Structure formats: C-alpha cells, structure tokens
Amino acid sequence: MTFNYKSIWTGVIVFFGFFAITMTNLAVAADSKVGVMNVQKVLAKSTVGQKAKDKVEEKIKALQTKFKSEEDALAEMQKEIEKKSSAWSKEKKDEKIREFKKQRRELQAKSEDARFEVKQLQDKELGPILKSLETIVEEYGSKNGYSVILDSKSGVIYYNKAVDVSDDIINLLNTATKK
C-alpha cells in the first residue's frame, strides 16, 4: 500500500487552516456584540412609517367604498336569481346567471387591479423608508460596535464585514476540491 503524501499534506494544511480560521473567528465572536430589532415595529411606530401606513389605508378605504355598490348590486342580483329562478323560463334564468357571472368576473378583475395598485403604493411608500432604515442601521451598528444586527422576524440586517467568513470558506472549499 502506498501513501500519497501530497493528499496527506493537503489534508493537514486544510485541517490546520480550518482550525486557525475557527480559532480566529472564536476570538472575534467573543468580542462580538449582537443586536436585534423588529423592522415591523419600527415601521409601525415611526412617524414616517405611520404616514405611509395611513396613505395606504386611505387608498384601501377609497377602493372599498368604490366597490361597495358593485358588491351590493351583485348580492341583490344573486338573491333575485335565487328567489325568482323557479318562475322564469329556462332562457331567462340562463341569461340572468350569465349576466351575474359576467359582472362577478368583472368585479374580480377590478379587485385584482385594485390589489396591484395598493401593492404598488406600498412599495412606493415603503421603498425609500426601508432604504433609509438600512443606512441608519448600518451607521448605528458601526458606531456602536455591533458585529451583527438581526431582524427579530427575518434575519440579518447589518453585519460587520470582519465577521464574514465567506472568502475563507471559499478558499477551503477550493483547496479541498483541488484533488
């Protein structure tokens, strides 16, 4: 049985490289400061977030008012069909059902358009706020010595580049897969 010294040395180098990186990261982690924030809470309680929320809610109420009469008309049409259909001829009943279905589809299409319009308004209102928030969190994290600031609901918002081990892992992976 012969030994491939190159493979053994590669393994030893990878092991000690990984060990050195791990020890360095543990030393950095011991001095790390982690913060957590709730972005939804920040948006809901901040003045600018409340203004954006109010704008969106105002639009939703306006759209609901706009569609209320159409929804009521559809409900009345459905009641009429249910009450009178037995007295109508088959042709009249079929015509009323087709008309009802057509108006319902039109209302659904309008509702979908309205949802899209509300989504666009939300994006328009929240986009600049989230961009400002990102800058503020980065500055706050850097100024106050945080290594990482996490959103309590979704994940990392800010991290100190010194704790990013991606390049080290890429190098280790490249070394390990060179064989």
N, C-alpha and C. Protein backbone atom coordinates (compact mmCIF):
# COMPACT_ATOMS: atom_id res chain seq x y z
N MET A 1 0.86 -1.17 0.00
CA MET A 1 0.00 0.00 0.00
C MET A 1 0.90 1.23 0.00
N THR A 2 0.65 2.14 -0.93
CA THR A 2 1.47 3.34 -1.00
C THR A 2 0.67 4.54 -0.52
N PHE A 3 1.38 5.46 0.09
CA PHE A 3 0.74 6.67 0.58
C PHE A 3 0.95 7.79 -0.43
N ASN A 4 -0.06 8.56 -0.61
CA ASN A 4 0.02 9.73 -1.46
C ASN A 4 0.30 10.91 -0.53
N TYR A 5 1.58 11.29 -0.43
CA TYR A 5 1.97 12.34 0.51
C TYR A 5 1.35 13.69 0.17
N LYS A 6 1.13 13.93 -1.09
CA LYS A 6 0.51 15.18 -1.49
C LYS A 6 -0.91 15.30 -0.91
N SER A 7 -1.67 14.22 -0.97
CA SER A 7 -3.03 14.22 -0.41
C SER A 7 -2.99 14.38 1.11
N ILE A 8 -2.04 13.73 1.75
CA ILE A 8 -1.93 13.83 3.21
C ILE A 8 -1.59 15.27 3.60
N TRP A 9 -0.60 15.86 2.91
CA TRP A 9 -0.22 17.24 3.23
C TRP A 9 -1.37 18.21 2.96
N THR A 10 -2.09 17.98 1.89
CA THR A 10 -3.24 18.83 1.59
C THR A 10 -4.26 18.73 2.72
N GLY A 11 -4.51 17.52 3.17
CA GLY A 11 -5.45 17.33 4.28
C GLY A 11 -4.98 18.01 5.54
N VAL A 12 -3.68 17.90 5.84
CA VAL A 12 -3.13 18.53 7.05
C VAL A 12 -3.24 20.05 6.94
N ILE A 13 -2.90 20.59 5.79
CA ILE A 13 -2.97 22.04 5.58
C ILE A 13 -4.41 22.52 5.71
N VAL A 14 -5.35 21.82 5.11
CA VAL A 14 -6.76 22.19 5.20
C VAL A 14 -7.21 22.14 6.65
N PHE A 15 -6.83 21.08 7.37
CA PHE A 15 -7.23 20.95 8.78
C PHE A 15 -6.69 22.10 9.60
N PHE A 16 -5.40 22.40 9.48
CA PHE A 16 -4.82 23.48 10.29
C PHE A 16 -5.33 24.85 9.83
N GLY A 17 -5.59 25.00 8.55
CA GLY A 17 -6.18 26.25 8.06
C GLY A 17 -7.56 26.46 8.64
N PHE A 18 -8.36 25.40 8.61
CA PHE A 18 -9.70 25.48 9.19
C PHE A 18 -9.62 25.74 10.69
N PHE A 19 -8.69 25.08 11.37
CA PHE A 19 -8.50 25.25 12.81
C PHE A 19 -8.11 26.70 13.12
N ALA A 20 -7.20 27.26 12.34
CA ALA A 20 -6.75 28.64 12.56
C ALA A 20 -7.89 29.63 12.33
N ILE A 21 -8.64 29.40 11.27
CA ILE A 21 -9.77 30.28 10.98
C ILE A 21 -10.82 30.18 12.07
N THR A 22 -11.09 28.97 12.52
CA THR A 22 -12.08 28.78 13.57
C THR A 22 -11.65 29.48 14.86
N MET A 23 -10.38 29.35 15.21
CA MET A 23 -9.90 29.99 16.44
C MET A 23 -9.96 31.51 16.30
N THR A 24 -9.62 32.04 15.13
CA THR A 24 -9.70 33.47 14.90
C THR A 24 -11.15 33.94 15.01
N ASN A 25 -12.04 33.19 14.40
CA ASN A 25 -13.45 33.56 14.45
C ASN A 25 -14.01 33.45 15.86
N LEU A 26 -13.55 32.47 16.63
CA LEU A 26 -13.99 32.37 18.02
C LEU A 26 -13.50 33.57 18.82
N ALA A 27 -12.28 34.01 18.56
CA ALA A 27 -11.76 35.18 19.26
C ALA A 27 -12.58 36.42 18.88
N VAL A 28 -12.90 36.55 17.59
CA VAL A 28 -13.72 37.68 17.15
C VAL A 28 -15.11 37.56 17.75
N ALA A 29 -15.67 36.34 17.77
CA ALA A 29 -17.01 36.13 18.29
C ALA A 29 -17.08 36.46 19.77
N ALA A 30 -16.01 36.20 20.51
CA ALA A 30 -16.01 36.51 21.94
C ALA A 30 -16.16 38.01 22.16
N ASP A 31 -15.64 38.81 21.23
CA ASP A 31 -15.74 40.26 21.34
C ASP A 31 -16.94 40.81 20.56
N SER A 32 -17.74 39.93 20.01
CA SER A 32 -18.85 40.36 19.17
C SER A 32 -20.00 40.90 20.00
N LYS A 33 -20.68 41.85 19.40
CA LYS A 33 -21.86 42.45 20.01
C LYS A 33 -23.00 42.24 19.02
N VAL A 34 -24.08 41.62 19.48
CA VAL A 34 -25.20 41.30 18.61
C VAL A 34 -26.41 42.10 19.05
N GLY A 35 -27.10 42.68 18.09
CA GLY A 35 -28.32 43.43 18.36
C GLY A 35 -29.49 42.83 17.60
N VAL A 36 -30.68 43.03 18.13
CA VAL A 36 -31.89 42.54 17.48
C VAL A 36 -32.89 43.68 17.41
N MET A 37 -33.57 43.78 16.29
CA MET A 37 -34.61 44.79 16.15
C MET A 37 -35.79 44.18 15.41
N ASN A 38 -36.95 44.78 15.55
CA ASN A 38 -38.15 44.33 14.86
C ASN A 38 -38.50 45.40 13.82
N VAL A 39 -38.23 45.11 12.57
CA VAL A 39 -38.45 46.07 11.49
C VAL A 39 -39.93 46.46 11.41
N GLN A 40 -40.82 45.49 11.58
CA GLN A 40 -42.25 45.80 11.52
C GLN A 40 -42.64 46.80 12.61
N LYS A 41 -42.08 46.63 13.79
CA LYS A 41 -42.36 47.56 14.89
C LYS A 41 -41.82 48.95 14.57
N VAL A 42 -40.62 48.99 14.03
CA VAL A 42 -40.00 50.27 13.66
C VAL A 42 -40.88 50.99 12.63
N LEU A 43 -41.34 50.26 11.63
CA LEU A 43 -42.20 50.87 10.60
C LEU A 43 -43.54 51.32 11.19
N ALA A 44 -44.10 50.51 12.07
CA ALA A 44 -45.41 50.83 12.63
C ALA A 44 -45.37 52.00 13.61
N LYS A 45 -44.26 52.15 14.33
CA LYS A 45 -44.20 53.17 15.38
C LYS A 45 -43.47 54.43 14.96
N SER A 46 -42.75 54.39 13.86
CA SER A 46 -42.05 55.60 13.41
C SER A 46 -43.03 56.55 12.74
N THR A 47 -42.74 57.84 12.80
CA THR A 47 -43.61 58.85 12.20
C THR A 47 -43.76 58.62 10.71
N VAL A 48 -42.65 58.42 10.03
CA VAL A 48 -42.67 58.24 8.58
C VAL A 48 -43.39 56.93 8.22
N GLY A 49 -43.21 55.89 9.03
CA GLY A 49 -43.90 54.62 8.80
C GLY A 49 -45.40 54.75 8.98
N GLN A 50 -45.81 55.51 10.00
CA GLN A 50 -47.24 55.73 10.24
C GLN A 50 -47.87 56.53 9.10
N LYS A 51 -47.14 57.52 8.59
CA LYS A 51 -47.66 58.31 7.47
C LYS A 51 -47.86 57.42 6.24
N ALA A 52 -46.89 56.55 5.98
CA ALA A 52 -47.01 55.64 4.83
C ALA A 52 -48.19 54.69 5.03
N LYS A 53 -48.33 54.18 6.23
CA LYS A 53 -49.43 53.26 6.54
C LYS A 53 -50.77 53.98 6.36
N ASP A 54 -50.86 55.21 6.84
CA ASP A 54 -52.10 55.99 6.69
C ASP A 54 -52.45 56.21 5.22
N LYS A 55 -51.45 56.50 4.40
CA LYS A 55 -51.69 56.71 2.96
C LYS A 55 -52.25 55.45 2.31
N VAL A 56 -51.64 54.32 2.67
CA VAL A 56 -52.07 53.05 2.09
C VAL A 56 -53.48 52.71 2.57
N GLU A 57 -53.75 52.89 3.86
CA GLU A 57 -55.09 52.61 4.40
C GLU A 57 -56.15 53.52 3.78
N GLU A 58 -55.78 54.77 3.54
CA GLU A 58 -56.70 55.71 2.90
C GLU A 58 -57.07 55.22 1.50
N LYS A 59 -56.08 54.74 0.77
CA LYS A 59 -56.31 54.22 -0.58
C LYS A 59 -57.20 52.98 -0.52
N ILE A 60 -56.94 52.11 0.45
CA ILE A 60 -57.75 50.89 0.59
C ILE A 60 -59.20 51.24 0.88
N LYS A 61 -59.42 52.19 1.78
CA LYS A 61 -60.80 52.60 2.11
C LYS A 61 -61.50 53.19 0.90
N ALA A 62 -60.78 54.00 0.12
CA ALA A 62 -61.37 54.60 -1.08
C ALA A 62 -61.77 53.50 -2.07
N LEU A 63 -60.91 52.51 -2.23
CA LEU A 63 -61.23 51.42 -3.16
C LEU A 63 -62.39 50.58 -2.64
N GLN A 64 -62.43 50.35 -1.34
CA GLN A 64 -63.53 49.57 -0.76
C GLN A 64 -64.86 50.29 -0.98
N THR A 65 -64.85 51.60 -0.77
CA THR A 65 -66.06 52.39 -0.99
C THR A 65 -66.48 52.31 -2.45
N LYS A 66 -65.52 52.39 -3.33
CA LYS A 66 -65.78 52.34 -4.78
C LYS A 66 -66.45 51.01 -5.17
N PHE A 67 -66.00 49.91 -4.56
CA PHE A 67 -66.51 48.59 -4.94
C PHE A 67 -67.75 48.17 -4.15
N LYS A 68 -68.07 48.88 -3.10
CA LYS A 68 -69.20 48.50 -2.23
C LYS A 68 -70.51 48.43 -3.01
N SER A 69 -70.79 49.44 -3.80
CA SER A 69 -72.06 49.46 -4.55
C SER A 69 -72.12 48.30 -5.55
N GLU A 70 -71.00 47.99 -6.19
CA GLU A 70 -70.98 46.88 -7.15
C GLU A 70 -71.18 45.54 -6.43
N GLU A 71 -70.56 45.39 -5.25
CA GLU A 71 -70.74 44.17 -4.47
C GLU A 71 -72.20 44.03 -4.02
N ASP A 72 -72.79 45.14 -3.59
CA ASP A 72 -74.19 45.12 -3.17
C ASP A 72 -75.10 44.75 -4.34
N ALA A 73 -74.83 45.32 -5.51
CA ALA A 73 -75.63 45.02 -6.70
C ALA A 73 -75.54 43.53 -7.06
N LEU A 74 -74.34 42.97 -6.93
CA LEU A 74 -74.16 41.54 -7.20
C LEU A 74 -74.94 40.69 -6.20
N ALA A 75 -74.88 41.08 -4.94
CA ALA A 75 -75.61 40.33 -3.91
C ALA A 75 -77.12 40.38 -4.18
N GLU A 76 -77.61 41.55 -4.58
CA GLU A 76 -79.03 41.68 -4.91
C GLU A 76 -79.40 40.82 -6.11
N MET A 77 -78.53 40.81 -7.11
CA MET A 77 -78.78 40.01 -8.31
C MET A 77 -78.82 38.52 -7.94
N GLN A 78 -77.93 38.11 -7.07
CA GLN A 78 -77.91 36.70 -6.65
C GLN A 78 -79.20 36.34 -5.91
N LYS A 79 -79.65 37.22 -5.02
CA LYS A 79 -80.91 36.99 -4.30
C LYS A 79 -82.09 36.89 -5.27
N GLU A 80 -82.09 37.80 -6.25
CA GLU A 80 -83.16 37.79 -7.24
C GLU A 80 -83.18 36.47 -8.00
N ILE A 81 -82.01 36.00 -8.39
CA ILE A 81 -81.92 34.73 -9.14
C ILE A 81 -82.43 33.59 -8.26
N GLU A 82 -82.03 33.58 -7.00
CA GLU A 82 -82.45 32.50 -6.10
C GLU A 82 -83.97 32.52 -5.88
N LYS A 83 -84.55 33.71 -5.75
CA LYS A 83 -85.99 33.83 -5.46
C LYS A 83 -86.86 33.57 -6.68
N LYS A 84 -86.47 34.13 -7.81
CA LYS A 84 -87.35 34.13 -8.98
C LYS A 84 -87.03 33.07 -10.02
N SER A 85 -85.93 32.37 -9.87
CA SER A 85 -85.49 31.45 -10.93
C SER A 85 -86.52 30.37 -11.23
N SER A 86 -87.26 29.94 -10.23
CA SER A 86 -88.24 28.88 -10.48
C SER A 86 -89.41 29.39 -11.33
N ALA A 87 -89.67 30.69 -11.29
CA ALA A 87 -90.77 31.26 -12.07
C ALA A 87 -90.33 31.66 -13.48
N TRP A 88 -89.03 31.79 -13.70
CA TRP A 88 -88.52 32.21 -15.01
C TRP A 88 -88.44 31.04 -15.98
N SER A 89 -88.44 31.39 -17.24
CA SER A 89 -88.19 30.37 -18.26
C SER A 89 -86.71 30.00 -18.21
N LYS A 90 -86.39 28.87 -18.79
CA LYS A 90 -85.00 28.42 -18.80
C LYS A 90 -84.10 29.45 -19.46
N GLU A 91 -84.54 30.05 -20.55
CA GLU A 91 -83.74 31.04 -21.26
C GLU A 91 -83.47 32.26 -20.40
N LYS A 92 -84.51 32.76 -19.73
CA LYS A 92 -84.35 33.94 -18.88
C LYS A 92 -83.44 33.63 -17.69
N LYS A 93 -83.63 32.45 -17.11
CA LYS A 93 -82.79 32.04 -15.98
C LYS A 93 -81.33 31.95 -16.42
N ASP A 94 -81.07 31.31 -17.55
CA ASP A 94 -79.69 31.18 -18.07
C ASP A 94 -79.09 32.55 -18.36
N GLU A 95 -79.92 33.45 -18.94
CA GLU A 95 -79.45 34.81 -19.24
C GLU A 95 -79.05 35.54 -17.96
N LYS A 96 -79.87 35.47 -16.94
CA LYS A 96 -79.58 36.15 -15.67
C LYS A 96 -78.33 35.56 -15.00
N ILE A 97 -78.17 34.25 -15.06
CA ILE A 97 -76.98 33.61 -14.49
C ILE A 97 -75.73 34.04 -15.24
N ARG A 98 -75.81 34.07 -16.58
CA ARG A 98 -74.66 34.53 -17.37
C ARG A 98 -74.31 35.98 -17.02
N GLU A 99 -75.32 36.83 -16.91
CA GLU A 99 -75.10 38.23 -16.56
C GLU A 99 -74.45 38.35 -15.17
N PHE A 100 -74.96 37.55 -14.23
CA PHE A 100 -74.40 37.56 -12.88
C PHE A 100 -72.92 37.14 -12.91
N LYS A 101 -72.63 36.05 -13.59
CA LYS A 101 -71.24 35.55 -13.66
C LYS A 101 -70.33 36.57 -14.34
N LYS A 102 -70.82 37.22 -15.39
CA LYS A 102 -70.03 38.23 -16.10
C LYS A 102 -69.69 39.39 -15.17
N GLN A 103 -70.71 39.89 -14.46
CA GLN A 103 -70.47 41.01 -13.55
C GLN A 103 -69.54 40.61 -12.39
N ARG A 104 -69.68 39.36 -11.94
CA ARG A 104 -68.80 38.88 -10.87
C ARG A 104 -67.35 38.81 -11.36
N ARG A 105 -67.13 38.31 -12.57
CA ARG A 105 -65.77 38.26 -13.15
C ARG A 105 -65.20 39.66 -13.30
N GLU A 106 -66.03 40.60 -13.77
CA GLU A 106 -65.57 41.99 -13.93
C GLU A 106 -65.17 42.59 -12.59
N LEU A 107 -65.97 42.32 -11.55
CA LEU A 107 -65.65 42.83 -10.22
C LEU A 107 -64.36 42.18 -9.69
N GLN A 108 -64.19 40.90 -9.94
CA GLN A 108 -62.95 40.22 -9.52
C GLN A 108 -61.74 40.81 -10.22
N ALA A 109 -61.88 41.11 -11.51
CA ALA A 109 -60.77 41.73 -12.25
C ALA A 109 -60.46 43.11 -11.69
N LYS A 110 -61.49 43.89 -11.40
CA LYS A 110 -61.28 45.21 -10.81
C LYS A 110 -60.63 45.10 -9.43
N SER A 111 -61.04 44.11 -8.67
CA SER A 111 -60.46 43.89 -7.34
C SER A 111 -58.99 43.52 -7.45
N GLU A 112 -58.66 42.69 -8.42
CA GLU A 112 -57.26 42.31 -8.63
C GLU A 112 -56.44 43.53 -9.04
N ASP A 113 -56.98 44.36 -9.91
CA ASP A 113 -56.30 45.60 -10.29
C ASP A 113 -56.09 46.50 -9.08
N ALA A 114 -57.10 46.56 -8.22
CA ALA A 114 -57.00 47.39 -7.02
C ALA A 114 -55.92 46.86 -6.07
N ARG A 115 -55.84 45.54 -5.92
CA ARG A 115 -54.78 44.94 -5.07
C ARG A 115 -53.39 45.28 -5.62
N PHE A 116 -53.27 45.22 -6.94
CA PHE A 116 -52.00 45.57 -7.57
C PHE A 116 -51.66 47.04 -7.32
N GLU A 117 -52.67 47.90 -7.43
CA GLU A 117 -52.49 49.33 -7.20
C GLU A 117 -52.05 49.60 -5.75
N VAL A 118 -52.67 48.90 -4.80
CA VAL A 118 -52.30 49.05 -3.39
C VAL A 118 -50.87 48.55 -3.17
N LYS A 119 -50.51 47.44 -3.79
CA LYS A 119 -49.15 46.89 -3.66
C LYS A 119 -48.12 47.89 -4.20
N GLN A 120 -48.42 48.49 -5.33
CA GLN A 120 -47.52 49.50 -5.91
C GLN A 120 -47.37 50.69 -4.97
N LEU A 121 -48.48 51.13 -4.38
CA LEU A 121 -48.43 52.25 -3.44
C LEU A 121 -47.60 51.89 -2.22
N GLN A 122 -47.78 50.67 -1.71
CA GLN A 122 -46.97 50.23 -0.56
C GLN A 122 -45.48 50.25 -0.91
N ASP A 123 -45.16 49.71 -2.07
CA ASP A 123 -43.75 49.69 -2.50
C ASP A 123 -43.21 51.11 -2.64
N LYS A 124 -44.02 51.98 -3.22
CA LYS A 124 -43.60 53.38 -3.42
C LYS A 124 -43.38 54.08 -2.09
N GLU A 125 -44.26 53.84 -1.13
CA GLU A 125 -44.16 54.50 0.17
C GLU A 125 -43.08 53.88 1.05
N LEU A 126 -42.97 52.55 1.05
CA LEU A 126 -42.04 51.88 1.95
C LEU A 126 -40.62 51.78 1.41
N GLY A 127 -40.46 51.78 0.09
CA GLY A 127 -39.13 51.64 -0.51
C GLY A 127 -38.12 52.64 0.03
N PRO A 128 -38.40 53.93 -0.06
CA PRO A 128 -37.44 54.92 0.45
C PRO A 128 -37.24 54.82 1.97
N ILE A 129 -38.29 54.45 2.69
CA ILE A 129 -38.16 54.31 4.15
C ILE A 129 -37.22 53.16 4.48
N LEU A 130 -37.39 52.03 3.79
CA LEU A 130 -36.53 50.87 4.05
C LEU A 130 -35.08 51.15 3.66
N LYS A 131 -34.88 51.91 2.59
CA LYS A 131 -33.52 52.29 2.18
C LYS A 131 -32.88 53.17 3.25
N SER A 132 -33.62 54.14 3.76
CA SER A 132 -33.11 54.99 4.83
C SER A 132 -32.84 54.18 6.09
N LEU A 133 -33.75 53.27 6.39
CA LEU A 133 -33.59 52.42 7.58
C LEU A 133 -32.32 51.58 7.48
N GLU A 134 -32.06 51.06 6.29
CA GLU A 134 -30.84 50.25 6.08
C GLU A 134 -29.59 51.08 6.38
N THR A 135 -29.55 52.29 5.85
CA THR A 135 -28.41 53.19 6.09
C THR A 135 -28.28 53.52 7.57
N ILE A 136 -29.40 53.82 8.21
CA ILE A 136 -29.39 54.17 9.63
C ILE A 136 -28.91 53.00 10.47
N VAL A 137 -29.38 51.79 10.18
CA VAL A 137 -28.96 50.61 10.94
C VAL A 137 -27.47 50.32 10.74
N GLU A 138 -26.99 50.48 9.51
CA GLU A 138 -25.56 50.28 9.25
C GLU A 138 -24.72 51.28 10.05
N GLU A 139 -25.12 52.54 10.01
CA GLU A 139 -24.38 53.56 10.76
C GLU A 139 -24.45 53.30 12.27
N TYR A 140 -25.62 52.94 12.75
CA TYR A 140 -25.81 52.66 14.18
C TYR A 140 -24.95 51.46 14.60
N GLY A 141 -24.99 50.40 13.80
CA GLY A 141 -24.22 49.20 14.11
C GLY A 141 -22.73 49.47 14.14
N SER A 142 -22.26 50.19 13.16
CA SER A 142 -20.84 50.52 13.08
C SER A 142 -20.42 51.44 14.23
N LYS A 143 -21.19 52.47 14.48
CA LYS A 143 -20.88 53.45 15.53
C LYS A 143 -20.89 52.83 16.92
N ASN A 144 -21.80 51.89 17.15
CA ASN A 144 -21.97 51.32 18.48
C ASN A 144 -21.27 49.97 18.67
N GLY A 145 -20.44 49.58 17.73
CA GLY A 145 -19.62 48.39 17.88
C GLY A 145 -20.34 47.06 17.73
N TYR A 146 -21.43 47.03 17.01
CA TYR A 146 -22.14 45.76 16.79
C TYR A 146 -21.46 44.98 15.68
N SER A 147 -21.39 43.68 15.85
CA SER A 147 -20.90 42.80 14.79
C SER A 147 -22.06 42.42 13.87
N VAL A 148 -23.23 42.25 14.49
CA VAL A 148 -24.41 41.83 13.75
C VAL A 148 -25.64 42.47 14.37
N ILE A 149 -26.57 42.90 13.51
CA ILE A 149 -27.90 43.32 13.97
C ILE A 149 -28.90 42.49 13.17
N LEU A 150 -29.74 41.78 13.88
CA LEU A 150 -30.71 40.88 13.27
C LEU A 150 -32.11 41.45 13.36
N ASP A 151 -32.93 41.14 12.35
CA ASP A 151 -34.35 41.45 12.44
C ASP A 151 -34.97 40.28 13.20
N SER A 152 -35.74 40.57 14.22
CA SER A 152 -36.31 39.52 15.05
C SER A 152 -37.24 38.60 14.27
N LYS A 153 -37.68 39.03 13.09
CA LYS A 153 -38.60 38.22 12.29
C LYS A 153 -37.96 37.54 11.08
N SER A 154 -36.91 38.15 10.50
CA SER A 154 -36.44 37.58 9.24
C SER A 154 -34.94 37.31 9.12
N GLY A 155 -34.07 37.97 9.82
CA GLY A 155 -32.65 37.64 9.67
C GLY A 155 -31.73 38.83 9.80
N VAL A 156 -30.58 38.72 9.15
CA VAL A 156 -29.51 39.70 9.29
C VAL A 156 -29.87 41.00 8.58
N ILE A 157 -29.71 42.11 9.28
CA ILE A 157 -29.92 43.44 8.70
C ILE A 157 -28.58 44.11 8.47
N TYR A 158 -27.69 43.97 9.44
CA TYR A 158 -26.36 44.60 9.37
C TYR A 158 -25.36 43.59 9.91
N TYR A 159 -24.17 43.56 9.33
CA TYR A 159 -23.09 42.78 9.92
C TYR A 159 -21.77 43.45 9.62
N ASN A 160 -20.88 43.35 10.57
CA ASN A 160 -19.53 43.87 10.42
C ASN A 160 -18.80 42.94 9.45
N LYS A 161 -18.21 43.50 8.43
CA LYS A 161 -17.54 42.68 7.40
C LYS A 161 -16.44 41.80 7.99
N ALA A 162 -15.93 42.17 9.17
CA ALA A 162 -14.86 41.38 9.80
C ALA A 162 -15.35 40.00 10.22
N VAL A 163 -16.65 39.81 10.43
CA VAL A 163 -17.16 38.50 10.84
C VAL A 163 -17.62 37.66 9.66
N ASP A 164 -17.51 38.18 8.44
CA ASP A 164 -17.90 37.43 7.25
C ASP A 164 -16.79 36.44 6.91
N VAL A 165 -17.12 35.16 6.95
CA VAL A 165 -16.13 34.11 6.71
C VAL A 165 -16.29 33.49 5.31
N SER A 166 -17.06 34.11 4.46
CA SER A 166 -17.34 33.54 3.14
C SER A 166 -16.07 33.30 2.33
N ASP A 167 -15.17 34.28 2.27
CA ASP A 167 -13.93 34.10 1.49
C ASP A 167 -13.08 32.97 2.04
N ASP A 168 -13.00 32.85 3.37
CA ASP A 168 -12.23 31.76 3.98
C ASP A 168 -12.82 30.41 3.60
N ILE A 169 -14.13 30.30 3.65
CA ILE A 169 -14.80 29.05 3.31
C ILE A 169 -14.61 28.73 1.83
N ILE A 170 -14.66 29.75 0.97
CA ILE A 170 -14.43 29.53 -0.46
C ILE A 170 -13.02 28.98 -0.68
N ASN A 171 -12.03 29.58 -0.03
CA ASN A 171 -10.65 29.10 -0.16
C ASN A 171 -10.51 27.67 0.33
N LEU A 172 -11.11 27.35 1.46
CA LEU A 172 -11.04 25.98 1.99
C LEU A 172 -11.72 25.00 1.04
N LEU A 173 -12.87 25.38 0.51
CA LEU A 173 -13.57 24.52 -0.42
C LEU A 173 -12.74 24.31 -1.67
N ASN A 174 -12.16 25.39 -2.20
CA ASN A 174 -11.32 25.27 -3.39
C ASN A 174 -10.14 24.36 -3.13
N THR A 175 -9.50 24.50 -1.97
CA THR A 175 -8.35 23.66 -1.62
C THR A 175 -8.78 22.21 -1.47
N ALA A 176 -9.87 21.99 -0.81
CA ALA A 176 -10.33 20.62 -0.57
C ALA A 176 -10.78 19.92 -1.84
N THR A 177 -11.25 20.67 -2.81
CA THR A 177 -11.75 20.04 -4.04
C THR A 177 -10.76 20.08 -5.19
N LYS A 178 -9.52 20.50 -4.92
CA LYS A 178 -8.49 20.55 -5.98
C LYS A 178 -8.05 19.18 -6.41
N LYS A 179 -8.18 18.22 -5.57
CA LYS A 179 -7.67 16.87 -5.82
C LYS A 179 -7.93 16.35 -7.19
